[in-house]
Amino acid sequence: MKASLRLRLDQLCDRHEELTALLADVEVISDNKRFRKLSREHNDLTEITEVWGKYRQAEEDIETAEMMKSDPDFKDMAEEEIKANKELLVELEDQLNVLMIPKDPNDANAAYLEVRAGTGGDEAAIFSGDLFRMYSKYAETQGWRIEVLS
């Protein structure tokens, strides 16, 4: 992994810790708008910091296993540990690369979808009902919250 990416991930972890402290501050809690903004940022950074922590732990486990290789009794176990952690590092690095992609600023915005039966009588009403159920099920699979206004 590149040193610049490691530095950026460490900065994000520091920011996550800073946000955790800020969210416990009474002054921030009393300001709803600021609290909501910081909570969203904290939530966005949580997954990245967890994966980065697992990545660093896997690196430490490899170093420990390398030291254990010198002992003949633990050599086989250490080699298995190294192999497993190297595979984990590849997987975690892929996750980190995906998580580091900038988020779309419109992701937090709500969307309105209007489904209504047009001309066509009963067939149009049946189709619009099917269409509504299809979009509702899709929203559920994506983890989105839906609210029927009317």
C-alpha atoms as a PDB file:
ATOM      1  CA  MET A   1       0.000   0.000   0.000  1.00  0.00           C
ATOM      2  CA  LYS A   2       1.272   3.448  -0.864  1.00  0.00           C
ATOM      3  CA  ALA A   3       2.569   5.675   1.900  1.00  0.00           C
ATOM      4  CA  SER A   4       0.283   8.533   0.821  1.00  0.00           C
ATOM      5  CA  LEU A   5      -2.781   6.309   1.183  1.00  0.00           C
ATOM      6  CA  ARG A   6      -1.594   5.156   4.614  1.00  0.00           C
ATOM      7  CA  LEU A   7      -1.154   8.777   5.681  1.00  0.00           C
ATOM      8  CA  ARG A   8      -4.640   9.672   4.441  1.00  0.00           C
ATOM      9  CA  LEU A   9      -6.181   6.700   6.271  1.00  0.00           C
ATOM     10  CA  ASP A  10      -4.385   7.680   9.478  1.00  0.00           C
ATOM     11  CA  GLN A  11      -5.742  11.220   9.063  1.00  0.00           C
ATOM     12  CA  LEU A  12      -9.258   9.843   8.635  1.00  0.00           C
ATOM     13  CA  CYS A  13      -8.848   7.777  11.818  1.00  0.00           C
ATOM     14  CA  ASP A  14      -7.687  10.875  13.692  1.00  0.00           C
ATOM     15  CA  ARG A  15     -10.701  12.798  12.365  1.00  0.00           C
ATOM     16  CA  HIS A  16     -12.985   9.946  13.468  1.00  0.00           C
ATOM     17  CA  GLU A  17     -11.590  10.149  17.007  1.00  0.00           C
ATOM     18  CA  GLU A  18     -11.956  13.933  16.955  1.00  0.00           C
ATOM     19  CA  LEU A  19     -15.592  13.611  15.856  1.00  0.00           C
ATOM     20  CA  THR A  20     -16.264  11.091  18.607  1.00  0.00           C
ATOM     21  CA  ALA A  21     -15.016  13.608  21.160  1.00  0.00           C
ATOM     22  CA  LEU A  22     -16.977  16.457  19.562  1.00  0.00           C
ATOM     23  CA  LEU A  23     -20.216  14.469  19.566  1.00  0.00           C
ATOM     24  CA  ALA A  24     -19.863  14.035  23.339  1.00  0.00           C
ATOM     25  CA  ASP A  25     -19.499  17.801  23.852  1.00  0.00           C
ATOM     26  CA  VAL A  26     -22.552  19.486  25.393  1.00  0.00           C
ATOM     27  CA  GLU A  27     -22.150  22.557  23.191  1.00  0.00           C
ATOM     28  CA  VAL A  28     -22.336  20.460  20.022  1.00  0.00           C
ATOM     29  CA  ILE A  29     -25.272  18.405  21.298  1.00  0.00           C
ATOM     30  CA  SER A  30     -27.308  21.555  21.919  1.00  0.00           C
ATOM     31  CA  ASP A  31     -26.800  22.735  18.292  1.00  0.00           C
ATOM     32  CA  ASN A  32     -28.981  20.315  16.292  1.00  0.00           C
ATOM     33  CA  LYS A  33     -27.762  21.352  12.860  1.00  0.00           C
ATOM     34  CA  ARG A  34     -24.078  20.995  13.771  1.00  0.00           C
ATOM     35  CA  PHE A  35     -24.720  17.761  15.675  1.00  0.00           C
ATOM     36  CA  ARG A  36     -26.516  16.239  12.675  1.00  0.00           C
ATOM     37  CA  LYS A  37     -23.709  17.289  10.301  1.00  0.00           C
ATOM     38  CA  LEU A  38     -20.986  15.858  12.561  1.00  0.00           C
ATOM     39  CA  SER A  39     -22.994  12.669  13.121  1.00  0.00           C
ATOM     40  CA  ARG A  40     -23.213  12.062   9.382  1.00  0.00           C
ATOM     41  CA  GLU A  41     -19.479  12.637   8.961  1.00  0.00           C
ATOM     42  CA  HIS A  42     -18.776  10.318  11.907  1.00  0.00           C
ATOM     43  CA  ASN A  43     -21.008   7.647  10.390  1.00  0.00           C
ATOM     44  CA  ASP A  44     -19.238   7.940   7.011  1.00  0.00           C
ATOM     45  CA  LEU A  45     -15.815   7.496   8.620  1.00  0.00           C
ATOM     46  CA  THR A  46     -16.768   4.616  10.922  1.00  0.00           C
ATOM     47  CA  GLU A  47     -16.573   1.859   8.310  1.00  0.00           C
ATOM     48  CA  ILE A  48     -13.277   3.133   6.880  1.00  0.00           C
ATOM     49  CA  THR A  49     -11.652   3.293  10.303  1.00  0.00           C
ATOM     50  CA  GLU A  50     -12.876  -0.198  11.207  1.00  0.00           C
ATOM     51  CA  VAL A  51     -11.463  -1.714   8.004  1.00  0.00           C
ATOM     52  CA  TRP A  52      -8.203   0.232   8.434  1.00  0.00           C
ATOM     53  CA  GLY A  53      -7.921  -1.060  12.018  1.00  0.00           C
ATOM     54  CA  LYS A  54      -8.382  -4.642  10.805  1.00  0.00           C
ATOM     55  CA  TYR A  55      -5.738  -4.031   8.120  1.00  0.00           C
ATOM     56  CA  ARG A  56      -3.192  -2.770  10.651  1.00  0.00           C
ATOM     57  CA  GLN A  57      -4.005  -5.660  12.987  1.00  0.00           C
ATOM     58  CA  ALA A  58      -3.386  -8.155  10.174  1.00  0.00           C
ATOM     59  CA  GLU A  59      -0.004  -6.503   9.486  1.00  0.00           C
ATOM     60  CA  GLU A  60       0.910  -6.799  13.175  1.00  0.00           C
ATOM     61  CA  ASP A  61      -0.164 -10.448  13.175  1.00  0.00           C
ATOM     62  CA  ILE A  62       2.134 -11.118  10.209  1.00  0.00           C
ATOM     63  CA  GLU A  63       5.062  -9.490  12.032  1.00  0.00           C
ATOM     64  CA  THR A  64       4.376 -11.585  15.132  1.00  0.00           C
ATOM     65  CA  ALA A  65       4.143 -14.749  13.048  1.00  0.00           C
ATOM     66  CA  GLU A  66       7.445 -13.884  11.321  1.00  0.00           C
ATOM     67  CA  MET A  67       9.112 -13.769  14.742  1.00  0.00           C
ATOM     68  CA  MET A  68       7.500 -17.103  15.664  1.00  0.00           C
ATOM     69  CA  LYS A  69       8.949 -18.783  12.558  1.00  0.00           C
ATOM     70  CA  SER A  70      12.366 -18.959  14.213  1.00  0.00           C
ATOM     71  CA  ASP A  71      10.975 -21.418  16.779  1.00  0.00           C
ATOM     72  CA  PRO A  72      10.794 -24.909  15.179  1.00  0.00           C
ATOM     73  CA  ASP A  73       7.761 -25.874  17.282  1.00  0.00           C
ATOM     74  CA  PHE A  74       5.657 -23.002  15.913  1.00  0.00           C
ATOM     75  CA  LYS A  75       7.037 -22.787  12.375  1.00  0.00           C
ATOM     76  CA  ASP A  76       4.107 -24.541  10.633  1.00  0.00           C
ATOM     77  CA  MET A  77       1.502 -22.619  12.592  1.00  0.00           C
ATOM     78  CA  ALA A  78       3.309 -19.331  11.903  1.00  0.00           C
ATOM     79  CA  GLU A  79       3.434 -20.023   8.171  1.00  0.00           C
ATOM     80  CA  GLU A  80      -0.309 -20.743   8.122  1.00  0.00           C
ATOM     81  CA  GLU A  81      -0.939 -17.542  10.058  1.00  0.00           C
ATOM     82  CA  ILE A  82       1.172 -15.537   7.607  1.00  0.00           C
ATOM     83  CA  LYS A  83      -0.627 -17.022   4.619  1.00  0.00           C
ATOM     84  CA  ALA A  84      -4.091 -16.347   6.084  1.00  0.00           C
ATOM     85  CA  ASN A  85      -3.225 -12.773   7.038  1.00  0.00           C
ATOM     86  CA  LYS A  86      -1.716 -12.007   3.635  1.00  0.00           C
ATOM     87  CA  GLU A  87      -4.965 -13.128   2.003  1.00  0.00           C
ATOM     88  CA  LEU A  88      -6.868 -10.968   4.487  1.00  0.00           C
ATOM     89  CA  LEU A  89      -4.642  -7.984   3.660  1.00  0.00           C
ATOM     90  CA  VAL A  90      -5.493  -8.281  -0.039  1.00  0.00           C
ATOM     91  CA  GLU A  91      -9.205  -8.443   0.750  1.00  0.00           C
ATOM     92  CA  LEU A  92      -9.062  -5.502   3.169  1.00  0.00           C
ATOM     93  CA  GLU A  93      -7.012  -3.420   0.737  1.00  0.00           C
ATOM     94  CA  ASP A  94      -9.697  -3.943  -1.911  1.00  0.00           C
ATOM     95  CA  GLN A  95     -12.345  -2.837   0.592  1.00  0.00           C
ATOM     96  CA  LEU A  96     -10.313   0.241   1.506  1.00  0.00           C
ATOM     97  CA  ASN A  97      -9.906   1.194  -2.145  1.00  0.00           C
ATOM     98  CA  VAL A  98     -13.677   1.067  -2.603  1.00  0.00           C
ATOM     99  CA  LEU A  99     -14.347   2.970   0.630  1.00  0.00           C
ATOM    100  CA  MET A 100     -11.908   5.728  -0.339  1.00  0.00           C
ATOM    101  CA  ILE A 101     -13.937   6.601  -3.450  1.00  0.00           C
ATOM    102  CA  PRO A 102     -15.541  10.013  -2.804  1.00  0.00           C
ATOM    103  CA  LYS A 103     -19.239   9.898  -2.032  1.00  0.00           C
ATOM    104  CA  ASP A 104     -21.784  11.628  -4.247  1.00  0.00           C
ATOM    105  CA  PRO A 105     -22.994  14.789  -2.489  1.00  0.00           C
ATOM    106  CA  ASN A 106     -26.563  14.002  -3.570  1.00  0.00           C
ATOM    107  CA  ASP A 107     -26.605  10.646  -1.749  1.00  0.00           C
ATOM    108  CA  ALA A 108     -28.052  12.216   1.393  1.00  0.00           C
ATOM    109  CA  ASN A 109     -30.870  13.987  -0.453  1.00  0.00           C
ATOM    110  CA  ALA A 110     -34.377  12.588  -0.525  1.00  0.00           C
ATOM    111  CA  ALA A 111     -36.075  11.618  -3.777  1.00  0.00           C
ATOM    112  CA  TYR A 112     -39.751  11.772  -4.621  1.00  0.00           C
ATOM    113  CA  LEU A 113     -41.335   9.286  -6.973  1.00  0.00           C
ATOM    114  CA  GLU A 114     -44.923   9.699  -8.011  1.00  0.00           C
ATOM    115  CA  VAL A 115     -46.758   6.667  -9.367  1.00  0.00           C
ATOM    116  CA  ARG A 116     -50.320   7.221 -10.526  1.00  0.00           C
ATOM    117  CA  ALA A 117     -52.687   5.552 -12.898  1.00  0.00           C
ATOM    118  CA  GLY A 118     -53.246   7.508 -16.083  1.00  0.00           C
ATOM    119  CA  THR A 119     -55.811   6.936 -18.733  1.00  0.00           C
ATOM    120  CA  GLY A 120     -56.504   3.315 -19.400  1.00  0.00           C
ATOM    121  CA  GLY A 121     -59.003   2.336 -16.765  1.00  0.00           C
ATOM    122  CA  ASP A 122     -58.524  -0.739 -14.628  1.00  0.00           C
ATOM    123  CA  GLU A 123     -55.455  -1.926 -16.538  1.00  0.00           C
ATOM    124  CA  ALA A 124     -53.643   1.343 -15.807  1.00  0.00           C
ATOM    125  CA  ALA A 125     -54.526   1.114 -12.118  1.00  0.00           C
ATOM    126  CA  ILE A 126     -53.292  -2.492 -11.942  1.00  0.00           C
ATOM    127  CA  PHE A 127     -50.056  -1.546 -13.713  1.00  0.00           C
ATOM    128  CA  SER A 128     -49.418   1.429 -11.424  1.00  0.00           C
ATOM    129  CA  GLY A 129     -50.005  -0.820  -8.394  1.00  0.00           C
ATOM    130  CA  ASP A 130     -47.518  -3.361  -9.742  1.00  0.00           C
ATOM    131  CA  LEU A 131     -45.051  -0.569 -10.474  1.00  0.00           C
ATOM    132  CA  PHE A 132     -45.387   0.792  -6.948  1.00  0.00           C
ATOM    133  CA  ARG A 133     -44.781  -2.657  -5.421  1.00  0.00           C
ATOM    134  CA  MET A 134     -41.762  -3.166  -7.676  1.00  0.00           C
ATOM    135  CA  TYR A 135     -40.184   0.144  -6.615  1.00  0.00           C
ATOM    136  CA  SER A 136     -41.057  -0.524  -2.963  1.00  0.00           C
ATOM    137  CA  LYS A 137     -39.355  -3.926  -3.010  1.00  0.00           C
ATOM    138  CA  TYR A 138     -36.324  -2.461  -4.772  1.00  0.00           C
ATOM    139  CA  ALA A 139     -36.068   0.290  -2.151  1.00  0.00           C
ATOM    140  CA  GLU A 140     -36.220  -2.327   0.622  1.00  0.00           C
ATOM    141  CA  THR A 141     -33.418  -4.376  -0.942  1.00  0.00           C
ATOM    142  CA  GLN A 142     -31.274  -1.235  -1.148  1.00  0.00           C
ATOM    143  CA  GLY A 143     -31.962  -0.402   2.505  1.00  0.00           C
ATOM    144  CA  TRP A 144     -33.812   2.807   1.655  1.00  0.00           C
ATOM    145  CA  ARG A 145     -36.666   4.132   3.712  1.00  0.00           C
ATOM    146  CA  ILE A 146     -39.930   4.752   1.884  1.00  0.00           C
ATOM    147  CA  GLU A 147     -42.852   6.849   2.968  1.00  0.00           C
ATOM    148  CA  VAL A 148     -46.206   6.865   1.211  1.00  0.00           C
ATOM    149  CA  LEU A 149     -47.577  10.400   1.199  1.00  0.00           C
ATOM    150  CA  SER A 150     -50.957   9.642  -0.271  1.00  0.00           C
END
